[in-house]
Amino acid sequence: MDIQIIARDGEPEYAVLPWAQYQALLKAAGVTEQPPREATVRHAATADQVLPGLDQLRSLREGKGIAIEALARTVGISPSYLALIESGERQPDAAIRRSLAWELTVPGWRDES
């Protein structure tokens, strides 16, 4: 089985495995009813949607009432690094952008600059 374990603070938090293996585990466990995939998948933005850029990160965070420390902790970076991203002094890598998008519920957020 091809399983990836994701840890936080040295403790296992998530197990990621291929979809076919997940389906086999459900079948072996006798689980026959599954939630519809549409309910659990975040959809990418369509071509005609205008997505916010990283220059709007601070206003998105503040608009949701999230403290910089809380967002940084959930994304897995320091508050000072998040402040640098918000000010435009640093550009986050793709993984951090995805995490920020997830936490701020910005579907399909990509910023290649």
PDB file of N, CA and C in Angstrom:
ATOM      1  N   MET A   1       0.847  -1.172   0.000  1.00  0.00           N
ATOM      2  CA  MET A   1       0.000   0.000   0.000  1.00  0.00           C
ATOM      3  C   MET A   1       0.894   1.237   0.000  1.00  0.00           C
ATOM      4  N   ASP A   2       0.555   2.207  -0.842  1.00  0.00           N
ATOM      5  CA  ASP A   2       1.324   3.446  -0.956  1.00  0.00           C
ATOM      6  C   ASP A   2       0.686   4.512  -0.084  1.00  0.00           C
ATOM      7  N   ILE A   3       1.140   4.615   1.156  1.00  0.00           N
ATOM      8  CA  ILE A   3       0.558   5.564   2.098  1.00  0.00           C
ATOM      9  C   ILE A   3       1.583   6.633   2.435  1.00  0.00           C
ATOM     10  N   GLN A   4       1.125   7.877   2.460  1.00  0.00           N
ATOM     11  CA  GLN A   4       1.955   8.993   2.900  1.00  0.00           C
ATOM     12  C   GLN A   4       1.393   9.468   4.231  1.00  0.00           C
ATOM     13  N   ILE A   5       2.239   9.553   5.240  1.00  0.00           N
ATOM     14  CA  ILE A   5       1.833  10.038   6.554  1.00  0.00           C
ATOM     15  C   ILE A   5       2.282  11.489   6.684  1.00  0.00           C
ATOM     16  N   ILE A   6       1.358  12.348   7.057  1.00  0.00           N
ATOM     17  CA  ILE A   6       1.660  13.762   7.271  1.00  0.00           C
ATOM     18  C   ILE A   6       1.569  14.026   8.766  1.00  0.00           C
ATOM     19  N   ALA A   7       2.650  14.557   9.322  1.00  0.00           N
ATOM     20  CA  ALA A   7       2.712  14.794  10.764  1.00  0.00           C
ATOM     21  C   ALA A   7       2.684  16.286  11.062  1.00  0.00           C
ATOM     22  N   ARG A   8       2.184  16.597  12.238  1.00  0.00           N
ATOM     23  CA  ARG A   8       2.211  17.965  12.755  1.00  0.00           C
ATOM     24  C   ARG A   8       2.701  17.869  14.187  1.00  0.00           C
ATOM     25  N   ASP A   9       3.699  18.664  14.513  1.00  0.00           N
ATOM     26  CA  ASP A   9       4.297  18.651  15.846  1.00  0.00           C
ATOM     27  C   ASP A   9       4.774  17.255  16.225  1.00  0.00           C
ATOM     28  N   GLY A  10       5.312  16.522  15.254  1.00  0.00           N
ATOM     29  CA  GLY A  10       5.876  15.205  15.510  1.00  0.00           C
ATOM     30  C   GLY A  10       4.865  14.087  15.664  1.00  0.00           C
ATOM     31  N   GLU A  11       3.593  14.382  15.513  1.00  0.00           N
ATOM     32  CA  GLU A  11       2.537  13.370  15.660  1.00  0.00           C
ATOM     33  C   GLU A  11       1.831  13.165  14.323  1.00  0.00           C
ATOM     34  N   PRO A  12       1.521  11.909  13.964  1.00  0.00           N
ATOM     35  CA  PRO A  12       0.779  11.675  12.722  1.00  0.00           C
ATOM     36  C   PRO A  12      -0.573  12.387  12.757  1.00  0.00           C
ATOM     37  N   GLU A  13      -0.891  13.097  11.680  1.00  0.00           N
ATOM     38  CA  GLU A  13      -2.159  13.825  11.627  1.00  0.00           C
ATOM     39  C   GLU A  13      -3.043  13.356  10.473  1.00  0.00           C
ATOM     40  N   TYR A  14      -2.426  13.027   9.331  1.00  0.00           N
ATOM     41  CA  TYR A  14      -3.184  12.586   8.163  1.00  0.00           C
ATOM     42  C   TYR A  14      -2.488  11.387   7.531  1.00  0.00           C
ATOM     43  N   ALA A  15      -3.279  10.545   6.898  1.00  0.00           N
ATOM     44  CA  ALA A  15      -2.754   9.470   6.060  1.00  0.00           C
ATOM     45  C   ALA A  15      -3.329   9.680   4.667  1.00  0.00           C
ATOM     46  N   VAL A  16      -2.458   9.738   3.668  1.00  0.00           N
ATOM     47  CA  VAL A  16      -2.872   9.964   2.290  1.00  0.00           C
ATOM     48  C   VAL A  16      -2.563   8.701   1.498  1.00  0.00           C
ATOM     49  N   LEU A  17      -3.547   8.220   0.749  1.00  0.00           N
ATOM     50  CA  LEU A  17      -3.338   7.027  -0.052  1.00  0.00           C
ATOM     51  C   LEU A  17      -4.079   7.166  -1.370  1.00  0.00           C
ATOM     52  N   PRO A  18      -3.665   6.392  -2.376  1.00  0.00           N
ATOM     53  CA  PRO A  18      -4.331   6.467  -3.676  1.00  0.00           C
ATOM     54  C   PRO A  18      -5.816   6.119  -3.565  1.00  0.00           C
ATOM     55  N   TRP A  19      -6.631   6.731  -4.424  1.00  0.00           N
ATOM     56  CA  TRP A  19      -8.079   6.575  -4.379  1.00  0.00           C
ATOM     57  C   TRP A  19      -8.493   5.109  -4.475  1.00  0.00           C
ATOM     58  N   ALA A  20      -7.874   4.349  -5.366  1.00  0.00           N
ATOM     59  CA  ALA A  20      -8.240   2.937  -5.536  1.00  0.00           C
ATOM     60  C   ALA A  20      -7.997   2.157  -4.244  1.00  0.00           C
ATOM     61  N   GLN A  21      -6.907   2.454  -3.554  1.00  0.00           N
ATOM     62  CA  GLN A  21      -6.619   1.768  -2.294  1.00  0.00           C
ATOM     63  C   GLN A  21      -7.614   2.188  -1.216  1.00  0.00           C
ATOM     64  N   TYR A  22      -8.013   3.446  -1.221  1.00  0.00           N
ATOM     65  CA  TYR A  22      -9.028   3.925  -0.286  1.00  0.00           C
ATOM     66  C   TYR A  22     -10.345   3.188  -0.521  1.00  0.00           C
ATOM     67  N   GLN A  23     -10.732   3.063  -1.790  1.00  0.00           N
ATOM     68  CA  GLN A  23     -11.962   2.348  -2.125  1.00  0.00           C
ATOM     69  C   GLN A  23     -11.890   0.893  -1.674  1.00  0.00           C
ATOM     70  N   ALA A  24     -10.727   0.251  -1.851  1.00  0.00           N
ATOM     71  CA  ALA A  24     -10.563  -1.138  -1.420  1.00  0.00           C
ATOM     72  C   ALA A  24     -10.689  -1.256   0.096  1.00  0.00           C
ATOM     73  N   LEU A  25     -10.138  -0.300   0.835  1.00  0.00           N
ATOM     74  CA  LEU A  25     -10.265  -0.311   2.294  1.00  0.00           C
ATOM     75  C   LEU A  25     -11.720  -0.164   2.721  1.00  0.00           C
ATOM     76  N   LEU A  26     -12.451   0.733   2.071  1.00  0.00           N
ATOM     77  CA  LEU A  26     -13.869   0.895   2.384  1.00  0.00           C
ATOM     78  C   LEU A  26     -14.633  -0.397   2.127  1.00  0.00           C
ATOM     79  N   LYS A  27     -14.344  -1.028   1.007  1.00  0.00           N
ATOM     80  CA  LYS A  27     -15.025  -2.280   0.659  1.00  0.00           C
ATOM     81  C   LYS A  27     -14.706  -3.360   1.686  1.00  0.00           C
ATOM     82  N   ALA A  28     -13.438  -3.474   2.075  1.00  0.00           N
ATOM     83  CA  ALA A  28     -13.025  -4.480   3.063  1.00  0.00           C
ATOM     84  C   ALA A  28     -13.659  -4.218   4.424  1.00  0.00           C
ATOM     85  N   ALA A  29     -13.912  -2.943   4.736  1.00  0.00           N
ATOM     86  CA  ALA A  29     -14.526  -2.593   6.017  1.00  0.00           C
ATOM     87  C   ALA A  29     -16.047  -2.719   5.972  1.00  0.00           C
ATOM     88  N   GLY A  30     -16.589  -3.024   4.804  1.00  0.00           N
ATOM     89  CA  GLY A  30     -18.030  -3.188   4.686  1.00  0.00           C
ATOM     90  C   GLY A  30     -18.789  -1.891   4.537  1.00  0.00           C
ATOM     91  N   VAL A  31     -18.093  -0.814   4.217  1.00  0.00           N
ATOM     92  CA  VAL A  31     -18.746   0.481   4.018  1.00  0.00           C
ATOM     93  C   VAL A  31     -19.257   0.525   2.584  1.00  0.00           C
ATOM     94  N   THR A  32     -20.566   0.664   2.437  1.00  0.00           N
ATOM     95  CA  THR A  32     -21.142   0.674   1.095  1.00  0.00           C
ATOM     96  C   THR A  32     -21.649   2.040   0.682  1.00  0.00           C
ATOM     97  N   GLU A  33     -21.995   2.879   1.637  1.00  0.00           N
ATOM     98  CA  GLU A  33     -22.534   4.199   1.315  1.00  0.00           C
ATOM     99  C   GLU A  33     -21.456   5.248   1.509  1.00  0.00           C
ATOM    100  N   GLN A  34     -21.262   6.081   0.489  1.00  0.00           N
ATOM    101  CA  GLN A  34     -20.256   7.134   0.550  1.00  0.00           C
ATOM    102  C   GLN A  34     -20.920   8.474   0.272  1.00  0.00           C
ATOM    103  N   PRO A  35     -20.381   9.549   0.853  1.00  0.00           N
ATOM    104  CA  PRO A  35     -20.926  10.869   0.528  1.00  0.00           C
ATOM    105  C   PRO A  35     -20.622  11.187  -0.934  1.00  0.00           C
ATOM    106  N   PRO A  36     -21.448  11.992  -1.578  1.00  0.00           N
ATOM    107  CA  PRO A  36     -21.159  12.365  -2.968  1.00  0.00           C
ATOM    108  C   PRO A  36     -19.837  13.108  -3.048  1.00  0.00           C
ATOM    109  N   ARG A  37     -19.054  12.822  -4.069  1.00  0.00           N
ATOM    110  CA  ARG A  37     -17.735  13.443  -4.220  1.00  0.00           C
ATOM    111  C   ARG A  37     -17.832  14.953  -4.334  1.00  0.00           C
ATOM    112  N   GLU A  38     -18.889  15.463  -4.922  1.00  0.00           N
ATOM    113  CA  GLU A  38     -19.037  16.913  -5.081  1.00  0.00           C
ATOM    114  C   GLU A  38     -19.060  17.628  -3.735  1.00  0.00           C
ATOM    115  N   ALA A  39     -19.539  16.951  -2.708  1.00  0.00           N
ATOM    116  CA  ALA A  39     -19.653  17.587  -1.394  1.00  0.00           C
ATOM    117  C   ALA A  39     -18.303  17.711  -0.707  1.00  0.00           C
ATOM    118  N   THR A  40     -17.324  16.902  -1.097  1.00  0.00           N
ATOM    119  CA  THR A  40     -16.054  16.904  -0.393  1.00  0.00           C
ATOM    120  C   THR A  40     -14.908  17.483  -1.210  1.00  0.00           C
ATOM    121  N   VAL A  41     -15.119  17.782  -2.469  1.00  0.00           N
ATOM    122  CA  VAL A  41     -14.054  18.276  -3.335  1.00  0.00           C
ATOM    123  C   VAL A  41     -14.211  19.776  -3.514  1.00  0.00           C
ATOM    124  N   ARG A  42     -13.120  20.501  -3.305  1.00  0.00           N
ATOM    125  CA  ARG A  42     -13.144  21.936  -3.589  1.00  0.00           C
ATOM    126  C   ARG A  42     -12.867  22.109  -5.073  1.00  0.00           C
ATOM    127  N   HIS A  43     -13.705  22.866  -5.733  1.00  0.00           N
ATOM    128  CA  HIS A  43     -13.602  23.017  -7.173  1.00  0.00           C
ATOM    129  C   HIS A  43     -12.616  24.116  -7.536  1.00  0.00           C
ATOM    130  N   ALA A  44     -11.888  23.882  -8.612  1.00  0.00           N
ATOM    131  CA  ALA A  44     -10.974  24.896  -9.125  1.00  0.00           C
ATOM    132  C   ALA A  44     -11.783  26.016  -9.757  1.00  0.00           C
ATOM    133  N   ALA A  45     -11.173  27.165  -9.820  1.00  0.00           N
ATOM    134  CA  ALA A  45     -11.856  28.318 -10.405  1.00  0.00           C
ATOM    135  C   ALA A  45     -12.021  28.121 -11.905  1.00  0.00           C
ATOM    136  N   THR A  46     -13.095  28.642 -12.435  1.00  0.00           N
ATOM    137  CA  THR A  46     -13.288  28.600 -13.874  1.00  0.00           C
ATOM    138  C   THR A  46     -12.530  29.758 -14.495  1.00  0.00           C
ATOM    139  N   ALA A  47     -12.385  29.704 -15.803  1.00  0.00           N
ATOM    140  CA  ALA A  47     -11.581  30.706 -16.500  1.00  0.00           C
ATOM    141  C   ALA A  47     -12.147  32.115 -16.357  1.00  0.00           C
ATOM    142  N   ASP A  48     -13.478  32.237 -16.197  1.00  0.00           N
ATOM    143  CA  ASP A  48     -14.065  33.568 -16.113  1.00  0.00           C
ATOM    144  C   ASP A  48     -14.136  34.126 -14.696  1.00  0.00           C
ATOM    145  N   GLN A  49     -13.688  33.359 -13.693  1.00  0.00           N
ATOM    146  CA  GLN A  49     -13.677  33.861 -12.324  1.00  0.00           C
ATOM    147  C   GLN A  49     -12.425  34.701 -12.094  1.00  0.00           C
ATOM    148  N   VAL A  50     -12.581  35.780 -11.355  1.00  0.00           N
ATOM    149  CA  VAL A  50     -11.440  36.612 -10.991  1.00  0.00           C
ATOM    150  C   VAL A  50     -11.033  36.225  -9.579  1.00  0.00           C
ATOM    151  N   LEU A  51      -9.808  35.752  -9.444  1.00  0.00           N
ATOM    152  CA  LEU A  51      -9.316  35.313  -8.143  1.00  0.00           C
ATOM    153  C   LEU A  51      -8.509  36.417  -7.486  1.00  0.00           C
ATOM    154  N   PRO A  52      -8.581  36.518  -6.164  1.00  0.00           N
ATOM    155  CA  PRO A  52      -7.765  37.515  -5.473  1.00  0.00           C
ATOM    156  C   PRO A  52      -6.289  37.145  -5.563  1.00  0.00           C
ATOM    157  N   GLY A  53      -5.433  38.150  -5.580  1.00  0.00           N
ATOM    158  CA  GLY A  53      -4.000  37.918  -5.608  1.00  0.00           C
ATOM    159  C   GLY A  53      -3.424  37.939  -4.202  1.00  0.00           C
ATOM    160  N   LEU A  54      -2.139  37.636  -4.108  1.00  0.00           N
ATOM    161  CA  LEU A  54      -1.479  37.648  -2.804  1.00  0.00           C
ATOM    162  C   LEU A  54      -1.487  39.040  -2.185  1.00  0.00           C
ATOM    163  N   ASP A  55      -1.611  40.074  -3.023  1.00  0.00           N
ATOM    164  CA  ASP A  55      -1.668  41.430  -2.481  1.00  0.00           C
ATOM    165  C   ASP A  55      -2.947  41.667  -1.677  1.00  0.00           C
ATOM    166  N   GLN A  56      -3.921  40.763  -1.782  1.00  0.00           N
ATOM    167  CA  GLN A  56      -5.162  40.874  -1.021  1.00  0.00           C
ATOM    168  C   GLN A  56      -5.197  39.917   0.169  1.00  0.00           C
ATOM    169  N   LEU A  57      -4.090  39.249   0.429  1.00  0.00           N
ATOM    170  CA  LEU A  57      -4.036  38.248   1.493  1.00  0.00           C
ATOM    171  C   LEU A  57      -4.422  38.826   2.854  1.00  0.00           C
ATOM    172  N   ARG A  58      -3.835  39.962   3.221  1.00  0.00           N
ATOM    173  CA  ARG A  58      -4.128  40.556   4.527  1.00  0.00           C
ATOM    174  C   ARG A  58      -5.618  40.899   4.657  1.00  0.00           C
ATOM    175  N   SER A  59      -6.189  41.511   3.629  1.00  0.00           N
ATOM    176  CA  SER A  59      -7.608  41.879   3.717  1.00  0.00           C
ATOM    177  C   SER A  59      -8.503  40.642   3.747  1.00  0.00           C
ATOM    178  N   LEU A  60      -8.137  39.576   3.038  1.00  0.00           N
ATOM    179  CA  LEU A  60      -8.904  38.325   3.108  1.00  0.00           C
ATOM    180  C   LEU A  60      -8.873  37.759   4.522  1.00  0.00           C
ATOM    181  N   ARG A  61      -7.669  37.725   5.106  1.00  0.00           N
ATOM    182  CA  ARG A  61      -7.510  37.180   6.460  1.00  0.00           C
ATOM    183  C   ARG A  61      -8.289  38.013   7.469  1.00  0.00           C
ATOM    184  N   GLU A  62      -8.108  39.325   7.404  1.00  0.00           N
ATOM    185  CA  GLU A  62      -8.800  40.205   8.352  1.00  0.00           C
ATOM    186  C   GLU A  62     -10.310  40.162   8.148  1.00  0.00           C
ATOM    187  N   GLY A  63     -10.751  40.047   6.895  1.00  0.00           N
ATOM    188  CA  GLY A  63     -12.174  39.966   6.603  1.00  0.00           C
ATOM    189  C   GLY A  63     -12.835  38.736   7.209  1.00  0.00           C
ATOM    190  N   LYS A  64     -12.056  37.681   7.381  1.00  0.00           N
ATOM    191  CA  LYS A  64     -12.577  36.458   8.001  1.00  0.00           C
ATOM    192  C   LYS A  64     -12.357  36.453   9.509  1.00  0.00           C
ATOM    193  N   GLY A  65     -11.736  37.527  10.021  1.00  0.00           N
ATOM    194  CA  GLY A  65     -11.519  37.628  11.460  1.00  0.00           C
ATOM    195  C   GLY A  65     -10.476  36.662  11.988  1.00  0.00           C
ATOM    196  N   ILE A  66      -9.494  36.316  11.151  1.00  0.00           N
ATOM    197  CA  ILE A  66      -8.457  35.364  11.549  1.00  0.00           C
ATOM    198  C   ILE A  66      -7.203  36.136  11.940  1.00  0.00           C
ATOM    199  N   ALA A  67      -6.683  35.865  13.120  1.00  0.00           N
ATOM    200  CA  ALA A  67      -5.441  36.502  13.571  1.00  0.00           C
ATOM    201  C   ALA A  67      -4.274  35.960  12.754  1.00  0.00           C
ATOM    202  N   ILE A  68      -3.266  36.795  12.548  1.00  0.00           N
ATOM    203  CA  ILE A  68      -2.108  36.379  11.762  1.00  0.00           C
ATOM    204  C   ILE A  68      -1.435  35.156  12.379  1.00  0.00           C
ATOM    205  N   GLU A  69      -1.391  35.103  13.710  1.00  0.00           N
ATOM    206  CA  GLU A  69      -0.771  33.967  14.396  1.00  0.00           C
ATOM    207  C   GLU A  69      -1.544  32.677  14.136  1.00  0.00           C
ATOM    208  N   ALA A  70      -2.869  32.763  14.146  1.00  0.00           N
ATOM    209  CA  ALA A  70      -3.703  31.575  13.932  1.00  0.00           C
ATOM    210  C   ALA A  70      -3.558  31.053  12.508  1.00  0.00           C
ATOM    211  N   LEU A  71      -3.585  31.945  11.520  1.00  0.00           N
ATOM    212  CA  LEU A  71      -3.446  31.512  10.130  1.00  0.00           C
ATOM    213  C   LEU A  71      -2.065  30.921   9.892  1.00  0.00           C
ATOM    214  N   ALA A  72      -1.039  31.582  10.406  1.00  0.00           N
ATOM    215  CA  ALA A  72       0.321  31.067  10.238  1.00  0.00           C
ATOM    216  C   ALA A  72       0.446  29.670  10.833  1.00  0.00           C
ATOM    217  N   ARG A  73      -0.108  29.468  12.024  1.00  0.00           N
ATOM    218  CA  ARG A  73      -0.028  28.166  12.687  1.00  0.00           C
ATOM    219  C   ARG A  73      -0.715  27.083  11.853  1.00  0.00           C
ATOM    220  N   THR A  74      -1.909  27.366  11.328  1.00  0.00           N
ATOM    221  CA  THR A  74      -2.622  26.345  10.562  1.00  0.00           C
ATOM    222  C   THR A  74      -1.960  26.058   9.219  1.00  0.00           C
ATOM    223  N   VAL A  75      -1.275  27.052   8.655  1.00  0.00           N
ATOM    224  CA  VAL A  75      -0.580  26.854   7.386  1.00  0.00           C
ATOM    225  C   VAL A  75       0.780  26.190   7.602  1.00  0.00           C
ATOM    226  N   GLY A  76       1.321  26.306   8.809  1.00  0.00           N
ATOM    227  CA  GLY A  76       2.601  25.675   9.120  1.00  0.00           C
ATOM    228  C   GLY A  76       3.802  26.571   8.914  1.00  0.00           C
ATOM    229  N   ILE A  77       3.594  27.888   9.025  1.00  0.00           N
ATOM    230  CA  ILE A  77       4.699  28.841   8.903  1.00  0.00           C
ATOM    231  C   ILE A  77       4.668  29.772  10.108  1.00  0.00           C
ATOM    232  N   SER A  78       5.718  30.574  10.260  1.00  0.00           N
ATOM    233  CA  SER A  78       5.764  31.500  11.390  1.00  0.00           C
ATOM    234  C   SER A  78       4.939  32.751  11.079  1.00  0.00           C
ATOM    235  N   PRO A  79       4.420  33.399  12.120  1.00  0.00           N
ATOM    236  CA  PRO A  79       3.688  34.654  11.897  1.00  0.00           C
ATOM    237  C   PRO A  79       4.542  35.715  11.205  1.00  0.00           C
ATOM    238  N   SER A  80       5.837  35.746  11.510  1.00  0.00           N
ATOM    239  CA  SER A  80       6.693  36.750  10.870  1.00  0.00           C
ATOM    240  C   SER A  80       6.840  36.474   9.372  1.00  0.00           C
ATOM    241  N   TYR A  81       6.913  35.193   8.986  1.00  0.00           N
ATOM    242  CA  TYR A  81       6.997  34.861   7.560  1.00  0.00           C
ATOM    243  C   TYR A  81       5.682  35.203   6.859  1.00  0.00           C
ATOM    244  N   LEU A  82       4.555  34.938   7.516  1.00  0.00           N
ATOM    245  CA  LEU A  82       3.261  35.303   6.934  1.00  0.00           C
ATOM    246  C   LEU A  82       3.164  36.820   6.765  1.00  0.00           C
ATOM    247  N   ALA A  83       3.681  37.572   7.725  1.00  0.00           N
ATOM    248  CA  ALA A  83       3.676  39.032   7.611  1.00  0.00           C
ATOM    249  C   ALA A  83       4.505  39.481   6.403  1.00  0.00           C
ATOM    250  N   LEU A  84       5.620  38.807   6.147  1.00  0.00           N
ATOM    251  CA  LEU A  84       6.445  39.131   4.978  1.00  0.00           C
ATOM    252  C   LEU A  84       5.699  38.823   3.682  1.00  0.00           C
ATOM    253  N   ILE A  85       4.948  37.722   3.662  1.00  0.00           N
ATOM    254  CA  ILE A  85       4.146  37.377   2.483  1.00  0.00           C
ATOM    255  C   ILE A  85       3.062  38.428   2.275  1.00  0.00           C
ATOM    256  N   GLU A  86       2.380  38.797   3.361  1.00  0.00           N
ATOM    257  CA  GLU A  86       1.310  39.795   3.264  1.00  0.00           C
ATOM    258  C   GLU A  86       1.823  41.147   2.785  1.00  0.00           C
ATOM    259  N   SER A  87       3.045  41.496   3.172  1.00  0.00           N
ATOM    260  CA  SER A  87       3.601  42.792   2.777  1.00  0.00           C
ATOM    261  C   SER A  87       4.204  42.763   1.370  1.00  0.00           C
ATOM    262  N   GLY A  88       4.301  41.571   0.779  1.00  0.00           N
ATOM    263  CA  GLY A  88       4.872  41.450  -0.554  1.00  0.00           C
ATOM    264  C   GLY A  88       6.376  41.294  -0.572  1.00  0.00           C
ATOM    265  N   GLU A  89       7.002  41.202   0.607  1.00  0.00           N
ATOM    266  CA  GLU A  89       8.454  41.061   0.675  1.00  0.00           C
ATOM    267  C   GLU A  89       8.917  39.646   0.341  1.00  0.00           C
ATOM    268  N   ARG A  90       8.043  38.663   0.509  1.00  0.00           N
ATOM    269  CA  ARG A  90       8.366  37.266   0.197  1.00  0.00           C
ATOM    270  C   ARG A  90       7.243  36.670  -0.637  1.00  0.00           C
ATOM    271  N   GLN A  91       7.608  35.739  -1.511  1.00  0.00           N
ATOM    272  CA  GLN A  91       6.636  34.993  -2.309  1.00  0.00           C
ATOM    273  C   GLN A  91       6.587  33.563  -1.782  1.00  0.00           C
ATOM    274  N   PRO A  92       5.419  33.078  -1.385  1.00  0.00           N
ATOM    275  CA  PRO A  92       5.324  31.715  -0.862  1.00  0.00           C
ATOM    276  C   PRO A  92       5.442  30.690  -1.981  1.00  0.00           C
ATOM    277  N   ASP A  93       5.895  29.486  -1.614  1.00  0.00           N
ATOM    278  CA  ASP A  93       5.934  28.419  -2.609  1.00  0.00           C
ATOM    279  C   ASP A  93       4.517  27.900  -2.849  1.00  0.00           C
ATOM    280  N   ALA A  94       4.384  26.984  -3.794  1.00  0.00           N
ATOM    281  CA  ALA A  94       3.062  26.483  -4.192  1.00  0.00           C
ATOM    282  C   ALA A  94       2.330  25.812  -3.037  1.00  0.00           C
ATOM    283  N   ALA A  95       3.050  25.079  -2.197  1.00  0.00           N
ATOM    284  CA  ALA A  95       2.404  24.375  -1.080  1.00  0.00           C
ATOM    285  C   ALA A  95       1.810  25.367  -0.079  1.00  0.00           C
ATOM    286  N   ILE A  96       2.535  26.438   0.208  1.00  0.00           N
ATOM    287  CA  ILE A  96       2.026  27.449   1.143  1.00  0.00           C
ATOM    288  C   ILE A  96       0.840  28.180   0.518  1.00  0.00           C
ATOM    289  N   ARG A  97       0.922  28.494  -0.792  1.00  0.00           N
ATOM    290  CA  ARG A  97      -0.225  29.129  -1.466  1.00  0.00           C
ATOM    291  C   ARG A  97      -1.463  28.249  -1.383  1.00  0.00           C
ATOM    292  N   ARG A  98      -1.288  26.944  -1.610  1.00  0.00           N
ATOM    293  CA  ARG A  98      -2.435  26.026  -1.522  1.00  0.00           C
ATOM    294  C   ARG A  98      -3.006  26.011  -0.114  1.00  0.00           C
ATOM    295  N   SER A  99      -2.136  25.988   0.894  1.00  0.00           N
ATOM    296  CA  SER A  99      -2.612  25.981   2.280  1.00  0.00           C
ATOM    297  C   SER A  99      -3.344  27.271   2.623  1.00  0.00           C
ATOM    298  N   LEU A 100      -2.800  28.392   2.184  1.00  0.00           N
ATOM    299  CA  LEU A 100      -3.466  29.673   2.423  1.00  0.00           C
ATOM    300  C   LEU A 100      -4.826  29.698   1.731  1.00  0.00           C
ATOM    301  N   ALA A 101      -4.868  29.221   0.497  1.00  0.00           N
ATOM    302  CA  ALA A 101      -6.130  29.183  -0.245  1.00  0.00           C
ATOM    303  C   ALA A 101      -7.151  28.315   0.465  1.00  0.00           C
ATOM    304  N   TRP A 102      -6.697  27.182   0.967  1.00  0.00           N
ATOM    305  CA  TRP A 102      -7.605  26.270   1.672  1.00  0.00           C
ATOM    306  C   TRP A 102      -8.163  26.933   2.927  1.00  0.00           C
ATOM    307  N   GLU A 103      -7.290  27.503   3.733  1.00  0.00           N
ATOM    308  CA  GLU A 103      -7.717  28.111   4.994  1.00  0.00           C
ATOM    309  C   GLU A 103      -8.603  29.334   4.777  1.00  0.00           C
ATOM    310  N   LEU A 104      -8.367  30.069   3.695  1.00  0.00           N
ATOM    311  CA  LEU A 104      -9.146  31.275   3.418  1.00  0.00           C
ATOM    312  C   LEU A 104     -10.300  30.998   2.450  1.00  0.00           C
ATOM    313  N   THR A 105     -10.497  29.731   2.120  1.00  0.00           N
ATOM    314  CA  THR A 105     -11.549  29.275   1.189  1.00  0.00           C
ATOM    315  C   THR A 105     -11.554  30.064  -0.117  1.00  0.00           C
ATOM    316  N   VAL A 106     -10.391  30.102  -0.756  1.00  0.00           N
ATOM    317  CA  VAL A 106     -10.257  30.702  -2.078  1.00  0.00           C
ATOM    318  C   VAL A 106     -10.032  29.545  -3.047  1.00  0.00           C
ATOM    319  N   PRO A 107     -11.092  29.040  -3.713  1.00  0.00           N
ATOM    320  CA  PRO A 107     -10.944  27.869  -4.567  1.00  0.00           C
ATOM    321  C   PRO A 107     -10.077  28.158  -5.789  1.00  0.00           C
ATOM    322  N   GLY A 108      -9.137  27.261  -6.049  1.00  0.00           N
ATOM    323  CA  GLY A 108      -8.315  27.385  -7.242  1.00  0.00           C
ATOM    324  C   GLY A 108      -7.295  28.495  -7.210  1.00  0.00           C
ATOM    325  N   TRP A 109      -6.975  29.018  -6.045  1.00  0.00           N
ATOM    326  CA  TRP A 109      -6.062  30.157  -5.939  1.00  0.00           C
ATOM    327  C   TRP A 109      -4.665  29.778  -6.409  1.00  0.00           C
ATOM    328  N   ARG A 110      -4.187  30.494  -7.380  1.00  0.00           N
ATOM    329  CA  ARG A 110      -2.825  30.323  -7.866  1.00  0.00           C
ATOM    330  C   ARG A 110      -2.268  31.709  -8.137  1.00  0.00           C
ATOM    331  N   ASP A 111      -1.028  31.931  -7.761  1.00  0.00           N
ATOM    332  CA  ASP A 111      -0.369  33.201  -8.053  1.00  0.00           C
ATOM    333  C   ASP A 111       1.050  32.869  -8.450  1.00  0.00           C
ATOM    334  N   GLU A 112       1.354  32.956  -9.709  1.00  0.00           N
ATOM    335  CA  GLU A 112       2.656  32.549 -10.228  1.00  0.00           C
ATOM    336  C   GLU A 112       3.710  33.639 -10.149  1.00  0.00           C
ATOM    337  N   SER A 113       3.358  34.834  -9.701  1.00  0.00           N
ATOM    338  CA  SER A 113       4.342  35.925  -9.672  1.00  0.00           C
ATOM    339  C   SER A 113       5.324  35.766  -8.550  1.00  0.00           C
TER     340      SER A 113
END
